[in-house]
N, C-alpha and C. Protein backbone atom coordinates (compact mmCIF):
# COMPACT_ATOMS: atom_id res chain seq x y z
N MET A 1 139.65 144.48 82.08
CA MET A 1 140.43 143.99 83.20
C MET A 1 141.75 144.76 83.23
N SER A 2 142.09 145.32 84.36
CA SER A 2 143.31 146.11 84.46
C SER A 2 144.52 145.19 84.63
N LEU A 3 145.68 145.73 84.33
CA LEU A 3 146.91 144.96 84.44
C LEU A 3 147.15 144.49 85.87
N SER A 4 146.66 145.24 86.85
CA SER A 4 146.87 144.85 88.26
C SER A 4 146.11 143.57 88.60
N ASN A 5 145.13 143.18 87.78
CA ASN A 5 144.39 141.94 88.02
C ASN A 5 145.04 140.77 87.31
N ASN A 6 146.20 140.98 86.69
CA ASN A 6 146.89 139.94 85.96
C ASN A 6 148.27 139.69 86.54
N LEU A 7 148.83 138.55 86.19
CA LEU A 7 150.19 138.22 86.54
C LEU A 7 151.01 138.20 85.27
N VAL A 8 152.26 138.59 85.35
CA VAL A 8 153.14 138.55 84.19
C VAL A 8 153.95 137.27 84.27
N THR A 9 153.98 136.50 83.18
CA THR A 9 154.73 135.24 83.16
C THR A 9 156.21 135.52 82.91
N MET A 10 157.03 134.48 83.06
CA MET A 10 158.48 134.61 82.87
C MET A 10 158.84 135.14 81.48
N ASP A 11 158.07 134.76 80.46
CA ASP A 11 158.38 135.19 79.10
C ASP A 11 157.74 136.53 78.75
N GLY A 12 157.16 137.20 79.75
CA GLY A 12 156.58 138.52 79.53
C GLY A 12 155.12 138.49 79.13
N GLY A 13 154.54 137.30 79.02
CA GLY A 13 153.12 137.19 78.69
C GLY A 13 152.26 137.52 79.89
N ILE A 14 150.98 137.63 79.66
CA ILE A 14 150.04 137.96 80.73
C ILE A 14 149.22 136.71 81.05
N MET A 15 149.15 136.39 82.34
CA MET A 15 148.32 135.28 82.80
C MET A 15 147.28 135.88 83.74
N GLU A 16 146.05 135.52 83.56
CA GLU A 16 145.01 136.08 84.40
C GLU A 16 145.19 135.65 85.85
N LYS A 17 144.91 136.56 86.76
CA LYS A 17 144.96 136.25 88.18
C LYS A 17 143.71 135.49 88.60
N ASP A 18 142.65 135.58 87.81
CA ASP A 18 141.43 134.84 88.08
C ASP A 18 141.67 133.39 87.66
N PHE A 19 142.22 132.61 88.59
CA PHE A 19 142.62 131.25 88.27
C PHE A 19 141.44 130.37 87.90
N LEU A 20 140.28 130.65 88.44
CA LEU A 20 139.09 129.88 88.08
C LEU A 20 138.78 130.09 86.60
N LYS A 21 138.87 131.33 86.14
CA LYS A 21 138.62 131.63 84.72
C LYS A 21 139.67 130.94 83.84
N THR A 22 140.91 130.95 84.28
CA THR A 22 141.98 130.28 83.54
C THR A 22 141.72 128.78 83.44
N LEU A 23 141.29 128.18 84.54
CA LEU A 23 140.96 126.76 84.54
C LEU A 23 139.82 126.47 83.58
N VAL A 24 138.79 127.30 83.62
CA VAL A 24 137.63 127.11 82.75
C VAL A 24 138.07 127.16 81.28
N MET A 25 138.88 128.12 80.93
CA MET A 25 139.34 128.24 79.55
C MET A 25 140.18 127.03 79.15
N ALA A 26 140.96 126.49 80.07
CA ALA A 26 141.82 125.34 79.78
C ALA A 26 141.04 124.04 79.58
N THR A 27 139.83 123.95 80.12
CA THR A 27 139.06 122.72 79.98
C THR A 27 138.57 122.49 78.56
N GLY A 28 138.37 123.56 77.82
CA GLY A 28 137.82 123.43 76.49
C GLY A 28 136.31 123.22 76.49
N LEU A 29 135.71 123.24 77.66
CA LEU A 29 134.26 123.08 77.79
C LEU A 29 133.59 124.44 77.60
N PRO A 30 132.27 124.47 77.37
CA PRO A 30 131.57 125.75 77.22
C PRO A 30 131.82 126.65 78.43
N GLU A 31 132.45 127.78 78.19
CA GLU A 31 132.94 128.63 79.28
C GLU A 31 131.85 129.13 80.22
N ASN A 32 130.74 129.63 79.69
CA ASN A 32 129.68 130.14 80.56
C ASN A 32 129.16 129.05 81.49
N LEU A 33 128.88 127.90 80.92
CA LEU A 33 128.32 126.79 81.68
C LEU A 33 129.28 126.30 82.76
N ILE A 34 130.51 126.02 82.39
CA ILE A 34 131.47 125.45 83.34
C ILE A 34 131.88 126.48 84.39
N TYR A 35 131.98 127.76 84.02
CA TYR A 35 132.34 128.78 85.00
C TYR A 35 131.27 128.87 86.09
N LYS A 36 130.01 128.91 85.66
CA LYS A 36 128.91 128.99 86.63
C LYS A 36 128.92 127.77 87.55
N GLU A 37 129.12 126.60 86.96
CA GLU A 37 129.12 125.35 87.73
C GLU A 37 130.26 125.31 88.74
N LEU A 38 131.48 125.61 88.28
CA LEU A 38 132.63 125.59 89.19
C LEU A 38 132.54 126.69 90.24
N ASN A 39 132.05 127.84 89.86
CA ASN A 39 131.85 128.94 90.79
C ASN A 39 130.87 128.52 91.89
N SER A 40 129.78 127.89 91.49
CA SER A 40 128.77 127.41 92.44
C SER A 40 129.36 126.37 93.40
N ILE A 41 130.13 125.44 92.86
CA ILE A 41 130.76 124.41 93.70
C ILE A 41 131.73 125.06 94.69
N ALA A 42 132.51 126.02 94.22
CA ALA A 42 133.48 126.70 95.10
C ALA A 42 132.76 127.40 96.24
N ILE A 43 131.66 128.06 95.94
CA ILE A 43 130.90 128.76 96.98
C ILE A 43 130.31 127.75 97.97
N GLU A 44 129.73 126.67 97.44
CA GLU A 44 129.17 125.62 98.31
C GLU A 44 130.22 125.05 99.26
N ARG A 45 131.44 124.94 98.78
CA ARG A 45 132.51 124.35 99.57
C ARG A 45 133.22 125.39 100.44
N GLY A 46 132.76 126.64 100.38
CA GLY A 46 133.31 127.69 101.24
C GLY A 46 134.67 128.19 100.83
N LEU A 47 135.01 128.06 99.54
CA LEU A 47 136.32 128.53 99.08
C LEU A 47 136.26 130.02 98.76
N ASN A 48 137.32 130.71 99.09
CA ASN A 48 137.44 132.13 98.78
C ASN A 48 137.89 132.26 97.33
N LEU A 49 137.02 132.75 96.47
CA LEU A 49 137.32 132.82 95.04
C LEU A 49 138.46 133.78 94.71
N GLN A 50 138.75 134.70 95.61
CA GLN A 50 139.84 135.65 95.37
C GLN A 50 141.21 135.06 95.70
N ASN A 51 141.22 133.98 96.48
CA ASN A 51 142.49 133.41 96.92
C ASN A 51 142.56 131.91 96.67
N LEU A 52 142.11 131.46 95.51
CA LEU A 52 142.15 130.04 95.20
C LEU A 52 143.59 129.57 95.01
N GLU A 53 143.90 128.45 95.60
CA GLU A 53 145.21 127.82 95.43
C GLU A 53 145.10 126.76 94.35
N LEU A 54 146.23 126.30 93.85
CA LEU A 54 146.23 125.27 92.82
C LEU A 54 145.50 124.02 93.31
N GLU A 55 145.70 123.64 94.55
CA GLU A 55 145.02 122.46 95.09
C GLU A 55 143.50 122.66 95.12
N ASP A 56 143.05 123.87 95.38
CA ASP A 56 141.61 124.18 95.35
C ASP A 56 141.06 123.95 93.94
N LEU A 57 141.81 124.41 92.94
CA LEU A 57 141.37 124.25 91.55
C LEU A 57 141.31 122.77 91.17
N ARG A 58 142.31 122.02 91.58
CA ARG A 58 142.31 120.57 91.31
C ARG A 58 141.10 119.92 91.95
N SER A 59 140.85 120.28 93.19
CA SER A 59 139.72 119.72 93.93
C SER A 59 138.39 120.08 93.27
N LEU A 60 138.25 121.32 92.84
CA LEU A 60 137.03 121.76 92.18
C LEU A 60 136.77 120.97 90.90
N LEU A 61 137.80 120.84 90.08
CA LEU A 61 137.64 120.14 88.82
C LEU A 61 137.36 118.66 89.06
N ALA A 62 138.03 118.05 90.02
CA ALA A 62 137.79 116.64 90.34
C ALA A 62 136.37 116.44 90.85
N PHE A 63 135.90 117.33 91.70
CA PHE A 63 134.53 117.24 92.22
C PHE A 63 133.53 117.35 91.07
N TYR A 64 133.75 118.30 90.18
CA TYR A 64 132.86 118.50 89.04
C TYR A 64 132.84 117.25 88.15
N LEU A 65 134.01 116.70 87.86
CA LEU A 65 134.08 115.53 87.00
C LEU A 65 133.37 114.33 87.63
N ARG A 66 133.57 114.11 88.94
CA ARG A 66 132.87 113.02 89.63
C ARG A 66 131.36 113.21 89.53
N LYS A 67 130.91 114.43 89.77
CA LYS A 67 129.49 114.74 89.72
C LYS A 67 128.91 114.45 88.34
N GLU A 68 129.61 114.86 87.30
CA GLU A 68 129.14 114.64 85.93
C GLU A 68 129.19 113.17 85.55
N LEU A 69 130.21 112.45 85.99
CA LEU A 69 130.30 111.02 85.70
C LEU A 69 129.18 110.25 86.38
N LEU A 70 128.84 110.64 87.61
CA LEU A 70 127.73 109.99 88.30
C LEU A 70 126.40 110.26 87.58
N LYS A 71 126.23 111.47 87.08
CA LYS A 71 125.02 111.79 86.30
C LYS A 71 124.95 110.91 85.05
N ALA A 72 126.07 110.79 84.35
CA ALA A 72 126.12 110.00 83.13
C ALA A 72 125.87 108.53 83.43
N LYS A 73 126.40 108.05 84.54
CA LYS A 73 126.21 106.65 84.92
C LYS A 73 124.72 106.36 85.15
N LYS A 74 124.03 107.29 85.81
CA LYS A 74 122.58 107.12 86.04
C LYS A 74 121.82 107.08 84.73
N VAL A 75 122.17 107.96 83.81
CA VAL A 75 121.47 108.06 82.54
C VAL A 75 121.70 106.81 81.69
N TYR A 76 122.93 106.31 81.68
CA TYR A 76 123.29 105.23 80.76
C TYR A 76 123.29 103.85 81.40
N SER A 77 122.89 103.76 82.65
CA SER A 77 122.85 102.45 83.31
C SER A 77 121.51 101.78 83.15
């Protein structure tokens, strides 16, 4: 990944511009699985993956969590 695909933070660190990947890493969940799932949800919802806003990321994660909780409820009910 080239430096042009990254953002530099205030303290000089590098933050990835791929906010979806950053979100996936922050969840602590299996990265391959959650990235594919969130990517799929984003595409289904018509979001532009190159221009995700913070609110888009919140919405994606909330949608994913609701979906998984409903699955768990069916299994354990």
